[in-house]
Amino acid sequence: MKKKLLVAILSMTMLLTACGGNGNNGNAANGGDTAEAEVIKLGGIIPKTGAAAVYGNTTENGIKLAIDEINANGGIGGKQVEYTSEDDKADPTESVTIYTKLVEQGVHGIIGGITSKPTVAVAENSVDDFTPIITPTGTMESITEGKDNVFRTCFTDPLQGQILANFSADKLQAKKAAVLRNNNDDYSNGVADAFKVQAEAKGIEIVADEGYSEDDVDFKVQLTKIKEKEPDVLLIPEYYEKDVTILTQAKELEIDATIVGPDGWDGVLAIAVDGTESSFDGVYFTNHYSVKDDAEKVQNFVKAYEEKYNEAPSAFAALGYDTVYIYKEAIESAKSLSNEDIVEAIKAVEIEGVTGSIKFGENNNPVKTATIIKIADGEYTFDSVVSPE
């Protein structure tokens, strides 16, 4: 997931869990057999200060809520969970230093980093140790590629594109679609490329694919070309700040297409000029969950989080929360607390989380549903849950 404000969730951003085996079975560094461990040790690599602190702190709130619940209910396999975290300031060098310290302390699994670059750095350094790592929020595909011990809780950028294509075809009944993408951004291109492939497979014609550069602020040339093609759906895979600018210009040109986008859209209402929120009505975007989803598990989480922190839980908080429960399920079913056994157990996990049904597929990426948020009456509303399949 890329950098995004807390409200943006959906996105930015990341947590890594690496589990696995490289001849590190049962050693002191990872706790040895379950019977030998007095507590279950989890470590966190969390940006608590700096620009990414808004993501890190809310993720850690979700982590701590889950750990408190688990410990109050007997722990993991009858053992209490001991959680230690340090501030990496979203800096890759700091992240690797913290990773090394946590491994030396004998953690059984690591949650973090939260943002992309630190998470990639930690993942690359974890391969030899085969330490279990789960990123709750890291959407960049390369984080888990070729790293058997690294997992993620959030969906990937391409999965969002696939889900948005399914939604456009099945719910919106779109026949023609256009794309407006940031040519310089992996997030934007990852969503756009996957959307195009899946849309065409669903019978949607891609009538335009326009691009722009990172520093562009005027998109009217591209939008004018798109308007001429009269698409039913316009995909804009961007972050909320630029989304506001693009949407404003699309409205000025009177583009009559339903706008869809990935989790980067989460946050547009927070920076909209007061009184203009309703201009975003009709936009749909993917997110990890919605506080307005009436599913019992979601509402229990929302209630517990609000009681503990006096605020509504973000998607980052929900992903942090689910990540702890992935560890709980895996460690309780693992043959031992060796890295290898925990990694194998994570691969077999299937849980119903706050952020959807979670199981792991290729490259340890979760195969999961996504929530579709619709902006209506100037507010985020729960629309539906969509499968990538």
Foldseek 3Di string as FASTA:
>chain_A
DQDAALLLPPARKKKKWFFADDPQAQDQLAQGFPVRHQAAEEEEEFACDAPRNRLRVLLVLLQVLLLVVQVVVQHFVNHRYDYYYDHQNPDLVSLCVVLVVSSNVNHLIYIDDIGAPNLQSNQVVCQNVRGTIEMLHHQDPNSLPPRLGIAYNDHHLLLQLLQVLVCCCPVVVWQEEEEEFAPVDPSRVSSVVSNVVNNVVSNHHYQYYHYDHPPDQDCLVVLVVVLVSLGQEYEYADAQVSVLSVLVSNVVVVRNHQYEYESNNRCNLVPDDPPCLQSQARYKYWHLADCQPPPPQSVVSQVSSCVVPVDGRGSSSQSSNVVNVLQSQQCNPFRGSTSRRSSVSSQQDWDQGSRATWHADPSNYTQGWIWMWGQHPSDTDTDDITGSD
